[in-house]
Amino acid sequence: MYRQILESIQGIEIYPVMSFVIFMIVFVLISYKAFRMKSSSVEELSYLPLEDNHGNIKK
């Protein structure tokens, strides 16, 4: 049933391709940003899950 409905829609084959292209663009941009981060920023962000509301590191 679904196959017949999807085959009857004109131009539907472009949606999977566009979804993949958008995914790849976002993935590449996020990867680029992650690799370009300074080590001091990475170190600061690595402590975030361990901090309480006042900036103190929990032990």
PDB file of N, CA and C in Angstrom:
ATOM      1  N   MET A   1       0.822  -1.189   0.000  1.00  0.00           N
ATOM      2  CA  MET A   1       0.000   0.000   0.000  1.00  0.00           C
ATOM      3  C   MET A   1       0.874   1.264   0.000  1.00  0.00           C
ATOM      4  N   TYR A   2       1.808   1.322   0.966  1.00  0.00           N
ATOM      5  CA  TYR A   2       2.655   2.510   1.062  1.00  0.00           C
ATOM      6  C   TYR A   2       3.533   2.665  -0.174  1.00  0.00           C
ATOM      7  N   ARG A   3       3.981   1.551  -0.689  1.00  0.00           N
ATOM      8  CA  ARG A   3       4.841   1.596  -1.866  1.00  0.00           C
ATOM      9  C   ARG A   3       4.110   2.222  -3.047  1.00  0.00           C
ATOM     10  N   GLN A   4       2.862   1.870  -3.242  1.00  0.00           N
ATOM     11  CA  GLN A   4       2.071   2.426  -4.339  1.00  0.00           C
ATOM     12  C   GLN A   4       1.850   3.927  -4.153  1.00  0.00           C
ATOM     13  N   ILE A   5       1.615   4.320  -2.908  1.00  0.00           N
ATOM     14  CA  ILE A   5       1.412   5.747  -2.623  1.00  0.00           C
ATOM     15  C   ILE A   5       2.689   6.526  -2.897  1.00  0.00           C
ATOM     16  N   LEU A   6       3.821   6.015  -2.414  1.00  0.00           N
ATOM     17  CA  LEU A   6       5.090   6.710  -2.601  1.00  0.00           C
ATOM     18  C   LEU A   6       5.515   6.742  -4.065  1.00  0.00           C
ATOM     19  N   GLU A   7       5.221   5.697  -4.815  1.00  0.00           N
ATOM     20  CA  GLU A   7       5.569   5.685  -6.233  1.00  0.00           C
ATOM     21  C   GLU A   7       4.717   6.654  -7.041  1.00  0.00           C
ATOM     22  N   SER A   8       3.541   6.979  -6.553  1.00  0.00           N
ATOM     23  CA  SER A   8       2.654   7.878  -7.292  1.00  0.00           C
ATOM     24  C   SER A   8       3.010   9.360  -7.092  1.00  0.00           C
ATOM     25  N   ILE A   9       3.824   9.670  -6.091  1.00  0.00           N
ATOM     26  CA  ILE A   9       4.197  11.060  -5.812  1.00  0.00           C
ATOM     27  C   ILE A   9       5.338  11.458  -6.745  1.00  0.00           C
ATOM     28  N   GLN A  10       5.154  12.528  -7.481  1.00  0.00           N
ATOM     29  CA  GLN A  10       6.177  13.007  -8.418  1.00  0.00           C
ATOM     30  C   GLN A  10       7.308  13.699  -7.652  1.00  0.00           C
ATOM     31  N   GLY A  11       8.546  13.370  -7.973  1.00  0.00           N
ATOM     32  CA  GLY A  11       9.707  14.047  -7.400  1.00  0.00           C
ATOM     33  C   GLY A  11      10.076  13.606  -6.002  1.00  0.00           C
ATOM     34  N   ILE A  12       9.518  12.514  -5.518  1.00  0.00           N
ATOM     35  CA  ILE A  12       9.805  12.091  -4.140  1.00  0.00           C
ATOM     36  C   ILE A  12      11.219  11.535  -3.986  1.00  0.00           C
ATOM     37  N   GLU A  13      11.834  11.109  -5.067  1.00  0.00           N
ATOM     38  CA  GLU A  13      13.168  10.501  -4.961  1.00  0.00           C
ATOM     39  C   GLU A  13      14.242  11.497  -4.546  1.00  0.00           C
ATOM     40  N   ILE A  14      13.955  12.776  -4.573  1.00  0.00           N
ATOM     41  CA  ILE A  14      14.941  13.786  -4.196  1.00  0.00           C
ATOM     42  C   ILE A  14      15.061  13.932  -2.675  1.00  0.00           C
ATOM     43  N   TYR A  15      14.039  13.563  -1.916  1.00  0.00           N
ATOM     44  CA  TYR A  15      14.055  13.759  -0.467  1.00  0.00           C
ATOM     45  C   TYR A  15      15.140  12.956   0.247  1.00  0.00           C
ATOM     46  N   PRO A  16      15.344  11.679  -0.048  1.00  0.00           N
ATOM     47  CA  PRO A  16      16.454  10.975   0.618  1.00  0.00           C
ATOM     48  C   PRO A  16      17.820  11.567   0.275  1.00  0.00           C
ATOM     49  N   VAL A  17      17.992  12.001  -0.949  1.00  0.00           N
ATOM     50  CA  VAL A  17      19.268  12.600  -1.356  1.00  0.00           C
ATOM     51  C   VAL A  17      19.494  13.917  -0.616  1.00  0.00           C
ATOM     52  N   MET A  18      18.477  14.744  -0.538  1.00  0.00           N
ATOM     53  CA  MET A  18      18.601  16.028   0.161  1.00  0.00           C
ATOM     54  C   MET A  18      18.850  15.814   1.657  1.00  0.00           C
ATOM     55  N   SER A  19      18.193  14.830   2.246  1.00  0.00           N
ATOM     56  CA  SER A  19      18.407  14.528   3.664  1.00  0.00           C
ATOM     57  C   SER A  19      19.856  14.123   3.916  1.00  0.00           C
ATOM     58  N   PHE A  20      20.400  13.302   3.040  1.00  0.00           N
ATOM     59  CA  PHE A  20      21.784  12.863   3.179  1.00  0.00           C
ATOM     60  C   PHE A  20      22.750  14.033   3.021  1.00  0.00           C
ATOM     61  N   VAL A  21      22.500  14.898   2.063  1.00  0.00           N
ATOM     62  CA  VAL A  21      23.363  16.057   1.835  1.00  0.00           C
ATOM     63  C   VAL A  21      23.343  16.982   3.042  1.00  0.00           C
ATOM     64  N   ILE A  22      22.168  17.256   3.590  1.00  0.00           N
ATOM     65  CA  ILE A  22      22.057  18.116   4.773  1.00  0.00           C
ATOM     66  C   ILE A  22      22.780  17.486   5.958  1.00  0.00           C
ATOM     67  N   PHE A  23      22.600  16.180   6.145  1.00  0.00           N
ATOM     68  CA  PHE A  23      23.286  15.481   7.234  1.00  0.00           C
ATOM     69  C   PHE A  23      24.795  15.599   7.090  1.00  0.00           C
ATOM     70  N   MET A  24      25.311  15.374   5.887  1.00  0.00           N
ATOM     71  CA  MET A  24      26.757  15.427   5.673  1.00  0.00           C
ATOM     72  C   MET A  24      27.315  16.829   5.911  1.00  0.00           C
ATOM     73  N   ILE A  25      26.594  17.847   5.478  1.00  0.00           N
ATOM     74  CA  ILE A  25      27.046  19.227   5.691  1.00  0.00           C
ATOM     75  C   ILE A  25      27.126  19.532   7.181  1.00  0.00           C
ATOM     76  N   VAL A  26      26.095  19.171   7.938  1.00  0.00           N
ATOM     77  CA  VAL A  26      26.089  19.421   9.378  1.00  0.00           C
ATOM     78  C   VAL A  26      27.201  18.618  10.059  1.00  0.00           C
ATOM     79  N   PHE A  27      27.379  17.359   9.672  1.00  0.00           N
ATOM     80  CA  PHE A  27      28.412  16.521  10.257  1.00  0.00           C
ATOM     81  C   PHE A  27      29.801  17.093  10.014  1.00  0.00           C
ATOM     82  N   VAL A  28      30.059  17.530   8.802  1.00  0.00           N
ATOM     83  CA  VAL A  28      31.375  18.092   8.471  1.00  0.00           C
ATOM     84  C   VAL A  28      31.612  19.395   9.239  1.00  0.00           C
ATOM     85  N   LEU A  29      30.613  20.244   9.338  1.00  0.00           N
ATOM     86  CA  LEU A  29      30.778  21.505  10.066  1.00  0.00           C
ATOM     87  C   LEU A  29      31.040  21.279  11.555  1.00  0.00           C
ATOM     88  N   ILE A  30      30.305  20.362  12.157  1.00  0.00           N
ATOM     89  CA  ILE A  30      30.515  20.081  13.577  1.00  0.00           C
ATOM     90  C   ILE A  30      31.882  19.442  13.798  1.00  0.00           C
ATOM     91  N   SER A  31      32.288  18.542  12.918  1.00  0.00           N
ATOM     92  CA  SER A  31      33.616  17.919  13.030  1.00  0.00           C
ATOM     93  C   SER A  31      34.714  18.964  12.884  1.00  0.00           C
ATOM     94  N   TYR A  32      34.560  19.864  11.937  1.00  0.00           N
ATOM     95  CA  TYR A  32      35.546  20.925  11.730  1.00  0.00           C
ATOM     96  C   TYR A  32      35.660  21.796  12.975  1.00  0.00           C
ATOM     97  N   LYS A  33      34.517  22.159  13.541  1.00  0.00           N
ATOM     98  CA  LYS A  33      34.528  22.997  14.742  1.00  0.00           C
ATOM     99  C   LYS A  33      35.189  22.257  15.907  1.00  0.00           C
ATOM    100  N   ALA A  34      34.927  20.963  16.042  1.00  0.00           N
ATOM    101  CA  ALA A  34      35.510  20.184  17.137  1.00  0.00           C
ATOM    102  C   ALA A  34      37.031  20.081  16.998  1.00  0.00           C
ATOM    103  N   PHE A  35      37.527  19.877  15.789  1.00  0.00           N
ATOM    104  CA  PHE A  35      38.969  19.761  15.591  1.00  0.00           C
ATOM    105  C   PHE A  35      39.690  21.098  15.700  1.00  0.00           C
ATOM    106  N   ARG A  36      38.994  22.196  15.488  1.00  0.00           N
ATOM    107  CA  ARG A  36      39.606  23.521  15.548  1.00  0.00           C
ATOM    108  C   ARG A  36      39.585  24.118  16.961  1.00  0.00           C
ATOM    109  N   MET A  37      38.938  23.448  17.914  1.00  0.00           N
ATOM    110  CA  MET A  37      38.858  23.976  19.276  1.00  0.00           C
ATOM    111  C   MET A  37      40.240  24.011  19.921  1.00  0.00           C
ATOM    112  N   LYS A  38      40.465  25.029  20.716  1.00  0.00           N
ATOM    113  CA  LYS A  38      41.721  25.131  21.460  1.00  0.00           C
ATOM    114  C   LYS A  38      41.698  24.126  22.607  1.00  0.00           C
ATOM    115  N   SER A  39      42.862  23.653  22.988  1.00  0.00           N
ATOM    116  CA  SER A  39      42.928  22.650  24.052  1.00  0.00           C
ATOM    117  C   SER A  39      42.442  23.213  25.381  1.00  0.00           C
ATOM    118  N   SER A  40      42.610  24.514  25.598  1.00  0.00           N
ATOM    119  CA  SER A  40      42.112  25.119  26.834  1.00  0.00           C
ATOM    120  C   SER A  40      40.582  25.086  26.881  1.00  0.00           C
ATOM    121  N   SER A  41      39.947  25.274  25.751  1.00  0.00           N
ATOM    122  CA  SER A  41      38.485  25.201  25.694  1.00  0.00           C
ATOM    123  C   SER A  41      37.998  23.781  25.934  1.00  0.00           C
ATOM    124  N   VAL A  42      38.702  22.815  25.372  1.00  0.00           N
ATOM    125  CA  VAL A  42      38.325  21.416  25.553  1.00  0.00           C
ATOM    126  C   VAL A  42      38.467  21.029  27.024  1.00  0.00           C
ATOM    127  N   GLU A  43      39.552  21.479  27.650  1.00  0.00           N
ATOM    128  CA  GLU A  43      39.764  21.165  29.060  1.00  0.00           C
ATOM    129  C   GLU A  43      38.687  21.799  29.931  1.00  0.00           C
ATOM    130  N   GLU A  44      38.337  23.035  29.623  1.00  0.00           N
ATOM    131  CA  GLU A  44      37.279  23.724  30.381  1.00  0.00           C
ATOM    132  C   GLU A  44      35.939  23.000  30.227  1.00  0.00           C
ATOM    133  N   LEU A  45      35.616  22.586  29.023  1.00  0.00           N
ATOM    134  CA  LEU A  45      34.358  21.888  28.783  1.00  0.00           C
ATOM    135  C   LEU A  45      34.343  20.494  29.399  1.00  0.00           C
ATOM    136  N   SER A  46      35.508  19.879  29.529  1.00  0.00           N
ATOM    137  CA  SER A  46      35.554  18.529  30.091  1.00  0.00           C
ATOM    138  C   SER A  46      35.200  18.515  31.571  1.00  0.00           C
ATOM    139  N   TYR A  47      35.353  19.640  32.264  1.00  0.00           N
ATOM    140  CA  TYR A  47      35.025  19.707  33.680  1.00  0.00           C
ATOM    141  C   TYR A  47      33.567  20.068  33.941  1.00  0.00           C
ATOM    142  N   LEU A  48      32.816  20.461  32.936  1.00  0.00           N
ATOM    143  CA  LEU A  48      31.434  20.880  33.143  1.00  0.00           C
ATOM    144  C   LEU A  48      30.557  19.837  33.833  1.00  0.00           C
ATOM    145  N   PRO A  49      30.618  18.566  33.446  1.00  0.00           N
ATOM    146  CA  PRO A  49      29.743  17.601  34.128  1.00  0.00           C
ATOM    147  C   PRO A  49      30.094  17.404  35.601  1.00  0.00           C
ATOM    148  N   LEU A  50      31.287  17.775  36.004  1.00  0.00           N
ATOM    149  CA  LEU A  50      31.729  17.564  37.381  1.00  0.00           C
ATOM    150  C   LEU A  50      31.489  18.767  38.276  1.00  0.00           C
ATOM    151  N   GLU A  51      31.144  19.908  37.720  1.00  0.00           N
ATOM    152  CA  GLU A  51      30.971  21.127  38.506  1.00  0.00           C
ATOM    153  C   GLU A  51      29.567  21.220  39.085  1.00  0.00           C
ATOM    154  N   ASP A  52      29.480  21.839  40.265  1.00  0.00           N
ATOM    155  CA  ASP A  52      28.179  22.142  40.813  1.00  0.00           C
ATOM    156  C   ASP A  52      27.766  23.532  40.333  1.00  0.00           C
ATOM    157  N   ASN A  53      26.741  24.116  40.878  1.00  0.00           N
ATOM    158  CA  ASN A  53      26.227  25.406  40.416  1.00  0.00           C
ATOM    159  C   ASN A  53      27.165  26.569  40.691  1.00  0.00           C
ATOM    160  N   HIS A  54      28.120  26.392  41.585  1.00  0.00           N
ATOM    161  CA  HIS A  54      29.024  27.478  41.949  1.00  0.00           C
ATOM    162  C   HIS A  54      30.387  27.372  41.279  1.00  0.00           C
ATOM    163  N   GLY A  55      30.580  26.426  40.401  1.00  0.00           N
ATOM    164  CA  GLY A  55      31.837  26.277  39.697  1.00  0.00           C
ATOM    165  C   GLY A  55      32.853  25.424  40.422  1.00  0.00           C
ATOM    166  N   ASN A  56      32.463  24.854  41.559  1.00  0.00           N
ATOM    167  CA  ASN A  56      33.375  23.985  42.304  1.00  0.00           C
ATOM    168  C   ASN A  56      33.297  22.572  41.742  1.00  0.00           C
ATOM    169  N   ILE A  57      34.438  21.915  41.667  1.00  0.00           N
ATOM    170  CA  ILE A  57      34.475  20.554  41.130  1.00  0.00           C
ATOM    171  C   ILE A  57      34.122  19.583  42.250  1.00  0.00           C
ATOM    172  N   LYS A  58      33.150  18.714  41.994  1.00  0.00           N
ATOM    173  CA  LYS A  58      32.750  17.700  42.971  1.00  0.00           C
ATOM    174  C   LYS A  58      33.790  16.600  43.016  1.00  0.00           C
ATOM    175  N   LYS A  59      34.007  16.079  44.210  1.00  0.00           N
ATOM    176  CA  LYS A  59      34.970  14.973  44.382  1.00  0.00           C
ATOM    177  C   LYS A  59      34.269  13.743  44.840  1.00  0.00           C
TER     178      LYS A  59
END
